[in-house]
Amino acid sequence: MHLSLRAVAVRGPGLPCWDAAIPVLRDPALWTDGPVILPPLTALPRNERRRAGPISRLALSVAEEVCAQAGMDPAALSAVFSSSNGDGGVIDSILHTLTAPDVAVSPTQFHNSVHNAAAGYWTIGHGSISPATALGCFDWSFGAGFLNAAAEAVTENHPVLFVAYDMPIPGPIGTVRVTPVSFACAFILDPDLNGPAVARLTLTYDASMDDVTDLPADPALRALALANPAARSLAFLMLLALRKAGYVHAGCLNGTLCMETLPC
């Protein structure tokens, strides 16, 4: 598949946005750990803004950033939201409520517990009737989600917003599904190979390569990539920041996505 990458966004420890992340990804010695600060969701109506949980705020923050960078109308874009954990905080709270003597799960918690909550808030916030897909693919959520978004862009011949995001899970589940940090990234994939772009992409899915994921060589960024499924994107983000031709691999569970870039 041949695509244009119109814009990129990122939010994670020491990587507050794409512009600030570029020098760090070019020279990992500059990376310093730091809190992931979530901006207010100004696109959401007040009631939805009050109800949206941290995981939805994280996902929508990078989605807003990438659309602004590309100068594209969010309402006109199909979207793919990919998360391994979903809203683990809400699930933990609901499970605690179910073990209490008086079971009373709040409607707000219930609708935030579904895996497509972030995608739902996105379409509500922008009055969008474009398709929005929500995926959950464990540690392969970045590669599988990117493949899904790219395939839709090529086959349907329209730009697609792709967002990968995950946060730590509190409580007993978090001791089994360990996700130490928050991380999110977003991309706009466009089948138009002649328009403005960060890079041109050639994507190849290889079913014979079982779950090959390239990780950063730098120990700190490698640890970050292993700390969150969405951060499996870091090797790809580093290649984009360097503005060099090359390729990286992203695991897709039963195969591998080869992501070749040619900077514009």
C-alpha atoms as a PDB file:
ATOM      1  CA  MET A   1       0.000   0.000   0.000  1.00  0.00           C
ATOM      2  CA  HIS A   2       1.252   3.478  -0.888  1.00  0.00           C
ATOM      3  CA  LEU A   3       0.135   6.434   1.234  1.00  0.00           C
ATOM      4  CA  SER A   4       0.972   9.963   2.280  1.00  0.00           C
ATOM      5  CA  LEU A   5       1.430  10.698   5.969  1.00  0.00           C
ATOM      6  CA  ARG A   6      -0.133  14.133   6.323  1.00  0.00           C
ATOM      7  CA  ALA A   7       0.637  14.830   9.987  1.00  0.00           C
ATOM      8  CA  VAL A   8       1.849  13.287  13.260  1.00  0.00           C
ATOM      9  CA  ALA A   9       1.031  13.873  16.939  1.00  0.00           C
ATOM     10  CA  VAL A  10       2.369  12.341  20.140  1.00  0.00           C
ATOM     11  CA  ARG A  11       1.901  12.691  23.903  1.00  0.00           C
ATOM     12  CA  GLY A  12       3.906  10.694  26.439  1.00  0.00           C
ATOM     13  CA  PRO A  13       6.503  11.022  29.212  1.00  0.00           C
ATOM     14  CA  GLY A  14       8.982  13.694  28.131  1.00  0.00           C
ATOM     15  CA  LEU A  15       7.179  13.991  24.771  1.00  0.00           C
ATOM     16  CA  PRO A  16       4.443  16.619  25.273  1.00  0.00           C
ATOM     17  CA  CYS A  17       3.689  17.169  21.567  1.00  0.00           C
ATOM     18  CA  TRP A  18       5.156  16.400  18.134  1.00  0.00           C
ATOM     19  CA  ASP A  19       7.135  19.634  17.741  1.00  0.00           C
ATOM     20  CA  ALA A  20       8.751  19.190  21.163  1.00  0.00           C
ATOM     21  CA  ALA A  21       9.341  15.482  20.536  1.00  0.00           C
ATOM     22  CA  ILE A  22      11.264  15.892  17.255  1.00  0.00           C
ATOM     23  CA  PRO A  23      14.633  16.957  18.778  1.00  0.00           C
ATOM     24  CA  VAL A  24      14.332  14.292  21.486  1.00  0.00           C
ATOM     25  CA  LEU A  25      13.592  11.545  18.983  1.00  0.00           C
ATOM     26  CA  ARG A  26      16.542  12.680  16.891  1.00  0.00           C
ATOM     27  CA  ASP A  27      18.846  12.673  19.922  1.00  0.00           C
ATOM     28  CA  PRO A  28      17.549  10.386  22.707  1.00  0.00           C
ATOM     29  CA  ALA A  29      20.194  11.782  25.082  1.00  0.00           C
ATOM     30  CA  LEU A  30      17.880  14.805  25.390  1.00  0.00           C
ATOM     31  CA  TRP A  31      15.004  12.730  26.753  1.00  0.00           C
ATOM     32  CA  THR A  32      13.961  13.311  30.354  1.00  0.00           C
ATOM     33  CA  ASP A  33      11.032  11.667  32.064  1.00  0.00           C
ATOM     34  CA  GLY A  34       8.073  13.827  32.945  1.00  0.00           C
ATOM     35  CA  PRO A  35       4.334  13.773  33.649  1.00  0.00           C
ATOM     36  CA  VAL A  36       1.831  13.397  30.834  1.00  0.00           C
ATOM     37  CA  ILE A  37      -0.331  16.503  31.060  1.00  0.00           C
ATOM     38  CA  LEU A  38      -3.756  16.338  29.428  1.00  0.00           C
ATOM     39  CA  PRO A  39      -5.125  19.564  27.956  1.00  0.00           C
ATOM     40  CA  PRO A  40      -8.829  20.476  28.317  1.00  0.00           C
ATOM     41  CA  LEU A  41     -11.119  19.072  25.650  1.00  0.00           C
ATOM     42  CA  THR A  42     -12.507  22.301  24.272  1.00  0.00           C
ATOM     43  CA  ALA A  43     -14.166  20.513  21.331  1.00  0.00           C
ATOM     44  CA  LEU A  44     -16.569  18.628  23.606  1.00  0.00           C
ATOM     45  CA  PRO A  45     -19.816  20.140  24.886  1.00  0.00           C
ATOM     46  CA  ARG A  46     -19.723  20.906  28.614  1.00  0.00           C
ATOM     47  CA  ASN A  47     -21.647  17.816  29.742  1.00  0.00           C
ATOM     48  CA  GLU A  48     -19.545  15.424  27.667  1.00  0.00           C
ATOM     49  CA  ARG A  49     -16.366  17.225  28.757  1.00  0.00           C
ATOM     50  CA  ARG A  50     -17.352  16.610  32.374  1.00  0.00           C
ATOM     51  CA  ARG A  51     -18.106  12.921  31.750  1.00  0.00           C
ATOM     52  CA  ALA A  52     -15.060  12.045  29.638  1.00  0.00           C
ATOM     53  CA  GLY A  53     -12.414  10.075  31.498  1.00  0.00           C
ATOM     54  CA  PRO A  54      -8.620  10.515  31.333  1.00  0.00           C
ATOM     55  CA  ILE A  55      -8.157   7.844  28.649  1.00  0.00           C
ATOM     56  CA  SER A  56     -10.599   9.605  26.304  1.00  0.00           C
ATOM     57  CA  ARG A  57      -8.930  12.945  27.029  1.00  0.00           C
ATOM     58  CA  LEU A  58      -5.556  11.416  26.164  1.00  0.00           C
ATOM     59  CA  ALA A  59      -6.800   9.979  22.870  1.00  0.00           C
ATOM     60  CA  LEU A  60      -8.667  13.115  21.831  1.00  0.00           C
ATOM     61  CA  SER A  61      -5.711  15.362  22.707  1.00  0.00           C
ATOM     62  CA  VAL A  62      -3.493  13.789  20.036  1.00  0.00           C
ATOM     63  CA  ALA A  63      -6.398  13.503  17.595  1.00  0.00           C
ATOM     64  CA  GLU A  64      -7.018  17.251  17.926  1.00  0.00           C
ATOM     65  CA  GLU A  65      -3.294  17.986  17.538  1.00  0.00           C
ATOM     66  CA  VAL A  66      -2.846  15.942  14.375  1.00  0.00           C
ATOM     67  CA  CYS A  67      -5.922  17.427  12.682  1.00  0.00           C
ATOM     68  CA  ALA A  68      -4.717  20.934  13.500  1.00  0.00           C
ATOM     69  CA  GLN A  69      -1.270  20.156  12.088  1.00  0.00           C
ATOM     70  CA  ALA A  70      -2.785  18.810   8.874  1.00  0.00           C
ATOM     71  CA  GLY A  71      -5.299  21.653   8.610  1.00  0.00           C
ATOM     72  CA  MET A  72      -8.100  19.129   8.130  1.00  0.00           C
ATOM     73  CA  ASP A  73     -11.700  19.188   9.311  1.00  0.00           C
ATOM     74  CA  PRO A  74     -12.070  16.485  12.012  1.00  0.00           C
ATOM     75  CA  ALA A  75     -15.742  15.959  11.119  1.00  0.00           C
ATOM     76  CA  ALA A  76     -14.804  14.967   7.567  1.00  0.00           C
ATOM     77  CA  LEU A  77     -12.365  12.219   8.583  1.00  0.00           C
ATOM     78  CA  SER A  78     -12.989   8.540   9.113  1.00  0.00           C
ATOM     79  CA  ALA A  79     -11.183   7.427  12.249  1.00  0.00           C
ATOM     80  CA  VAL A  80      -9.595   4.328  13.765  1.00  0.00           C
ATOM     81  CA  PHE A  81      -9.015   4.359  17.539  1.00  0.00           C
ATOM     82  CA  SER A  82      -6.804   1.541  18.839  1.00  0.00           C
ATOM     83  CA  SER A  83      -6.222   0.767  22.521  1.00  0.00           C
ATOM     84  CA  SER A  84      -5.016  -2.335  24.304  1.00  0.00           C
ATOM     85  CA  ASN A  85      -6.449  -1.582  27.755  1.00  0.00           C
ATOM     86  CA  GLY A  86      -9.352   0.756  27.145  1.00  0.00           C
ATOM     87  CA  ASP A  87     -10.454   2.618  30.265  1.00  0.00           C
ATOM     88  CA  GLY A  88      -8.937   0.415  32.946  1.00  0.00           C
ATOM     89  CA  GLY A  89      -9.691   2.971  35.655  1.00  0.00           C
ATOM     90  CA  VAL A  90     -13.418   2.773  34.996  1.00  0.00           C
ATOM     91  CA  ILE A  91     -13.355  -1.034  34.827  1.00  0.00           C
ATOM     92  CA  ASP A  92     -11.532  -1.163  38.178  1.00  0.00           C
ATOM     93  CA  SER A  93     -14.098   1.190  39.725  1.00  0.00           C
ATOM     94  CA  ILE A  94     -17.050  -0.834  38.378  1.00  0.00           C
ATOM     95  CA  LEU A  95     -15.584  -4.097  39.678  1.00  0.00           C
ATOM     96  CA  HIS A  96     -15.120  -2.543  43.128  1.00  0.00           C
ATOM     97  CA  THR A  97     -18.730  -1.341  43.026  1.00  0.00           C
ATOM     98  CA  LEU A  98     -19.982  -4.825  42.106  1.00  0.00           C
ATOM     99  CA  THR A  99     -18.307  -6.281  45.204  1.00  0.00           C
ATOM    100  CA  ALA A 100     -19.909  -3.708  47.523  1.00  0.00           C
ATOM    101  CA  PRO A 101     -23.089  -4.475  49.500  1.00  0.00           C
ATOM    102  CA  ASP A 102     -25.159  -1.912  47.581  1.00  0.00           C
ATOM    103  CA  VAL A 103     -24.483  -2.393  43.880  1.00  0.00           C
ATOM    104  CA  ALA A 104     -25.080   0.861  41.995  1.00  0.00           C
ATOM    105  CA  VAL A 105     -23.012   1.339  38.854  1.00  0.00           C
ATOM    106  CA  SER A 106     -23.331   4.894  37.582  1.00  0.00           C
ATOM    107  CA  PRO A 107     -24.494   5.342  33.963  1.00  0.00           C
ATOM    108  CA  THR A 108     -21.485   7.569  33.308  1.00  0.00           C
ATOM    109  CA  GLN A 109     -19.097   4.842  34.392  1.00  0.00           C
ATOM    110  CA  PHE A 110     -20.941   2.292  32.295  1.00  0.00           C
ATOM    111  CA  HIS A 111     -20.756   4.251  29.042  1.00  0.00           C
ATOM    112  CA  ASN A 112     -17.076   5.055  29.658  1.00  0.00           C
ATOM    113  CA  SER A 113     -16.347   1.363  30.158  1.00  0.00           C
ATOM    114  CA  VAL A 114     -17.041   0.412  26.539  1.00  0.00           C
ATOM    115  CA  HIS A 115     -14.011   0.167  24.264  1.00  0.00           C
ATOM    116  CA  ASN A 116     -15.286   2.729  21.761  1.00  0.00           C
ATOM    117  CA  ALA A 117     -15.805   5.498  24.343  1.00  0.00           C
ATOM    118  CA  ALA A 118     -13.013   7.700  22.954  1.00  0.00           C
ATOM    119  CA  ALA A 119     -14.274   7.226  19.391  1.00  0.00           C
ATOM    120  CA  GLY A 120     -17.774   8.138  20.585  1.00  0.00           C
ATOM    121  CA  TYR A 121     -16.621  11.319  22.292  1.00  0.00           C
ATOM    122  CA  TRP A 122     -14.700  12.239  19.123  1.00  0.00           C
ATOM    123  CA  THR A 123     -17.751  11.966  16.879  1.00  0.00           C
ATOM    124  CA  ILE A 124     -19.944  13.807  19.419  1.00  0.00           C
ATOM    125  CA  GLY A 125     -17.432  16.601  19.868  1.00  0.00           C
ATOM    126  CA  HIS A 126     -17.142  17.265  16.147  1.00  0.00           C
ATOM    127  CA  GLY A 127     -20.653  16.365  15.048  1.00  0.00           C
ATOM    128  CA  SER A 128     -19.130  13.739  12.798  1.00  0.00           C
ATOM    129  CA  ILE A 129     -21.144  11.099  10.955  1.00  0.00           C
ATOM    130  CA  SER A 130     -18.015   9.598   9.383  1.00  0.00           C
ATOM    131  CA  PRO A 131     -17.135   5.996  10.308  1.00  0.00           C
ATOM    132  CA  ALA A 132     -15.170   5.534  13.534  1.00  0.00           C
ATOM    133  CA  THR A 133     -13.669   2.132  14.350  1.00  0.00           C
ATOM    134  CA  ALA A 134     -12.441   1.022  17.787  1.00  0.00           C
ATOM    135  CA  LEU A 135      -9.881  -1.787  18.051  1.00  0.00           C
ATOM    136  CA  GLY A 136      -8.302  -3.678  20.925  1.00  0.00           C
ATOM    137  CA  CYS A 137      -5.380  -5.932  19.974  1.00  0.00           C
ATOM    138  CA  PHE A 138      -3.349  -6.366  23.183  1.00  0.00           C
ATOM    139  CA  ASP A 139       0.360  -5.569  22.610  1.00  0.00           C
ATOM    140  CA  TRP A 140      -0.214  -5.415  18.848  1.00  0.00           C
ATOM    141  CA  SER A 141      -2.705  -2.555  18.986  1.00  0.00           C
ATOM    142  CA  PHE A 142      -0.397  -0.051  17.260  1.00  0.00           C
ATOM    143  CA  GLY A 143       0.582  -2.267  14.318  1.00  0.00           C
ATOM    144  CA  ALA A 144      -2.865  -3.779  13.818  1.00  0.00           C
ATOM    145  CA  GLY A 145      -4.546  -0.395  14.118  1.00  0.00           C
ATOM    146  CA  PHE A 146      -2.162   1.261  11.662  1.00  0.00           C
ATOM    147  CA  LEU A 147      -2.758  -1.573   9.186  1.00  0.00           C
ATOM    148  CA  ASN A 148      -6.532  -1.221   9.568  1.00  0.00           C
ATOM    149  CA  ALA A 149      -6.430   2.551   9.038  1.00  0.00           C
ATOM    150  CA  ALA A 150      -4.121   2.269   6.027  1.00  0.00           C
ATOM    151  CA  ALA A 151      -6.262  -0.419   4.406  1.00  0.00           C
ATOM    152  CA  GLU A 152      -9.373   1.747   4.805  1.00  0.00           C
ATOM    153  CA  ALA A 153      -7.604   4.803   3.367  1.00  0.00           C
ATOM    154  CA  VAL A 154      -6.465   2.882   0.289  1.00  0.00           C
ATOM    155  CA  THR A 155      -9.603   0.853  -0.394  1.00  0.00           C
ATOM    156  CA  GLU A 156     -12.077   3.678   0.336  1.00  0.00           C
ATOM    157  CA  ASN A 157      -9.806   6.344  -1.208  1.00  0.00           C
ATOM    158  CA  HIS A 158     -10.145   8.893   1.571  1.00  0.00           C
ATOM    159  CA  PRO A 159      -7.951  10.202   4.440  1.00  0.00           C
ATOM    160  CA  VAL A 160      -8.170   8.339   7.744  1.00  0.00           C
ATOM    161  CA  LEU A 161      -7.281   9.492  11.247  1.00  0.00           C
ATOM    162  CA  PHE A 162      -5.478   6.814  13.286  1.00  0.00           C
ATOM    163  CA  VAL A 163      -5.050   7.117  17.060  1.00  0.00           C
ATOM    164  CA  ALA A 164      -3.215   4.645  19.342  1.00  0.00           C
ATOM    165  CA  TYR A 165      -3.436   5.225  23.094  1.00  0.00           C
ATOM    166  CA  ASP A 166      -3.176   3.507  26.476  1.00  0.00           C
ATOM    167  CA  MET A 167      -2.924   4.386  30.166  1.00  0.00           C
ATOM    168  CA  PRO A 168      -2.002   2.490  33.339  1.00  0.00           C
ATOM    169  CA  ILE A 169      -4.684   0.300  34.910  1.00  0.00           C
ATOM    170  CA  PRO A 170      -5.191   0.718  38.685  1.00  0.00           C
ATOM    171  CA  GLY A 171      -6.185  -1.976  41.133  1.00  0.00           C
ATOM    172  CA  PRO A 172      -5.778  -5.757  40.907  1.00  0.00           C
ATOM    173  CA  ILE A 173      -6.049  -5.870  37.083  1.00  0.00           C
ATOM    174  CA  GLY A 174      -3.123  -3.463  36.873  1.00  0.00           C
ATOM    175  CA  THR A 175      -0.905  -5.916  38.732  1.00  0.00           C
ATOM    176  CA  VAL A 176      -1.497  -8.460  35.965  1.00  0.00           C
ATOM    177  CA  ARG A 177      -1.739  -6.156  32.950  1.00  0.00           C
ATOM    178  CA  VAL A 178       1.156  -3.857  33.842  1.00  0.00           C
ATOM    179  CA  THR A 179       1.215  -0.578  31.877  1.00  0.00           C
ATOM    180  CA  PRO A 180       3.521   1.796  33.779  1.00  0.00           C
ATOM    181  CA  VAL A 181       3.009   4.977  31.719  1.00  0.00           C
ATOM    182  CA  SER A 182       0.513   6.843  29.553  1.00  0.00           C
ATOM    183  CA  PHE A 183       1.228   7.249  25.843  1.00  0.00           C
ATOM    184  CA  ALA A 184      -0.686   8.225  22.711  1.00  0.00           C
ATOM    185  CA  CYS A 185       0.113   8.996  19.090  1.00  0.00           C
ATOM    186  CA  ALA A 186      -1.960   9.978  16.073  1.00  0.00           C
ATOM    187  CA  PHE A 187      -1.506  10.069  12.310  1.00  0.00           C
ATOM    188  CA  ILE A 188      -3.488  11.115   9.268  1.00  0.00           C
ATOM    189  CA  LEU A 189      -3.076   8.661   6.395  1.00  0.00           C
ATOM    190  CA  ASP A 190      -3.987   9.920   2.935  1.00  0.00           C
ATOM    191  CA  PRO A 191      -4.130   7.920  -0.323  1.00  0.00           C
ATOM    192  CA  ASP A 192      -3.301  11.121  -2.256  1.00  0.00           C
ATOM    193  CA  LEU A 193       0.408  10.810  -3.090  1.00  0.00           C
ATOM    194  CA  ASN A 194       0.716  14.311  -4.532  1.00  0.00           C
ATOM    195  CA  GLY A 195      -0.448  16.513  -1.662  1.00  0.00           C
ATOM    196  CA  PRO A 196       1.530  18.000   1.239  1.00  0.00           C
ATOM    197  CA  ALA A 197       2.895  15.397   3.619  1.00  0.00           C
ATOM    198  CA  VAL A 198       5.456  14.613   6.292  1.00  0.00           C
ATOM    199  CA  ALA A 199       6.462  11.456   4.423  1.00  0.00           C
ATOM    200  CA  ARG A 200       5.355   9.003   1.764  1.00  0.00           C
ATOM    201  CA  LEU A 201       4.754   5.502   3.076  1.00  0.00           C
ATOM    202  CA  THR A 202       4.969   2.068   1.538  1.00  0.00           C
ATOM    203  CA  LEU A 203       3.317  -0.518   3.775  1.00  0.00           C
ATOM    204  CA  THR A 204       3.676  -4.261   3.349  1.00  0.00           C
ATOM    205  CA  TYR A 205       2.009  -6.899   5.501  1.00  0.00           C
ATOM    206  CA  ASP A 206       4.045 -10.108   5.819  1.00  0.00           C
ATOM    207  CA  ALA A 207       2.139 -13.018   7.328  1.00  0.00           C
ATOM    208  CA  SER A 208       5.303 -15.145   7.388  1.00  0.00           C
ATOM    209  CA  MET A 209       7.016 -12.800   9.890  1.00  0.00           C
ATOM    210  CA  ASP A 210       5.401 -13.564  13.225  1.00  0.00           C
ATOM    211  CA  ASP A 211       5.173 -10.462  15.431  1.00  0.00           C
ATOM    212  CA  VAL A 212       8.367  -8.557  14.619  1.00  0.00           C
ATOM    213  CA  THR A 213       8.401  -5.160  16.330  1.00  0.00           C
ATOM    214  CA  ASP A 214      11.395  -2.830  16.066  1.00  0.00           C
ATOM    215  CA  LEU A 215      12.294  -0.975  19.273  1.00  0.00           C
ATOM    216  CA  PRO A 216      14.576   2.032  19.837  1.00  0.00           C
ATOM    217  CA  ALA A 217      18.244   1.227  20.466  1.00  0.00           C
ATOM    218  CA  ASP A 218      18.457   3.845  23.225  1.00  0.00           C
ATOM    219  CA  PRO A 219      17.820   2.069  26.573  1.00  0.00           C
ATOM    220  CA  ALA A 220      15.496   4.758  28.001  1.00  0.00           C
ATOM    221  CA  LEU A 221      13.296   5.012  24.913  1.00  0.00           C
ATOM    222  CA  ARG A 222      13.375   1.238  24.510  1.00  0.00           C
ATOM    223  CA  ALA A 223      12.036   0.891  28.055  1.00  0.00           C
ATOM    224  CA  LEU A 224       9.356   3.466  27.253  1.00  0.00           C
ATOM    225  CA  ALA A 225       8.359   1.525  24.128  1.00  0.00           C
ATOM    226  CA  LEU A 226       7.921  -1.605  26.228  1.00  0.00           C
ATOM    227  CA  ALA A 227       5.956   0.219  28.927  1.00  0.00           C
ATOM    228  CA  ASN A 228       2.871   0.944  26.813  1.00  0.00           C
ATOM    229  CA  PRO A 229       1.423  -0.783  23.710  1.00  0.00           C
ATOM    230  CA  ALA A 230       0.881   2.560  21.939  1.00  0.00           C
ATOM    231  CA  ALA A 231       4.563   3.375  22.494  1.00  0.00           C
ATOM    232  CA  ARG A 232       5.493   0.481  20.187  1.00  0.00           C
ATOM    233  CA  SER A 233       5.251   3.334  17.677  1.00  0.00           C
ATOM    234  CA  LEU A 234       8.480   4.931  18.946  1.00  0.00           C
ATOM    235  CA  ALA A 235      10.821   3.374  16.362  1.00  0.00           C
ATOM    236  CA  PHE A 236       8.510   4.644  13.613  1.00  0.00           C
ATOM    237  CA  LEU A 237       8.253   8.080  15.239  1.00  0.00           C
ATOM    238  CA  MET A 238      12.052   8.282  15.486  1.00  0.00           C
ATOM    239  CA  LEU A 239      12.387   7.494  11.775  1.00  0.00           C
ATOM    240  CA  LEU A 240       9.883  10.238  10.940  1.00  0.00           C
ATOM    241  CA  ALA A 241      11.645  12.759  13.206  1.00  0.00           C
ATOM    242  CA  LEU A 242      14.998  12.042  11.532  1.00  0.00           C
ATOM    243  CA  ARG A 243      13.410  12.720   8.138  1.00  0.00           C
ATOM    244  CA  LYS A 244      15.369   9.826   6.662  1.00  0.00           C
ATOM    245  CA  ALA A 245      14.354   7.132   4.227  1.00  0.00           C
ATOM    246  CA  GLY A 246      14.166   3.762   5.935  1.00  0.00           C
ATOM    247  CA  TYR A 247      11.822   1.182   7.346  1.00  0.00           C
ATOM    248  CA  VAL A 248      10.694  -0.299  10.636  1.00  0.00           C
ATOM    249  CA  HIS A 249       8.503  -3.235  11.584  1.00  0.00           C
ATOM    250  CA  ALA A 250       5.354  -3.268  13.713  1.00  0.00           C
ATOM    251  CA  GLY A 251       3.931  -6.526  15.010  1.00  0.00           C
ATOM    252  CA  CYS A 252       0.365  -7.446  14.069  1.00  0.00           C
ATOM    253  CA  LEU A 253      -0.027 -10.647  16.114  1.00  0.00           C
ATOM    254  CA  ASN A 254      -0.237 -13.128  13.209  1.00  0.00           C
ATOM    255  CA  GLY A 255       2.197 -11.199  11.038  1.00  0.00           C
ATOM    256  CA  THR A 256       4.249  -8.038  10.721  1.00  0.00           C
ATOM    257  CA  LEU A 257       3.676  -4.669   9.097  1.00  0.00           C
ATOM    258  CA  CYS A 258       6.748  -3.280   7.297  1.00  0.00           C
ATOM    259  CA  MET A 259       6.568   0.540   7.306  1.00  0.00           C
ATOM    260  CA  GLU A 260       8.886   2.125   4.745  1.00  0.00           C
ATOM    261  CA  THR A 261       9.219   5.919   4.750  1.00  0.00           C
ATOM    262  CA  LEU A 262      10.433   8.444   2.217  1.00  0.00           C
ATOM    263  CA  PRO A 263      10.541  11.982   3.704  1.00  0.00           C
ATOM    264  CA  CYS A 264       8.969  14.822   1.745  1.00  0.00           C
END
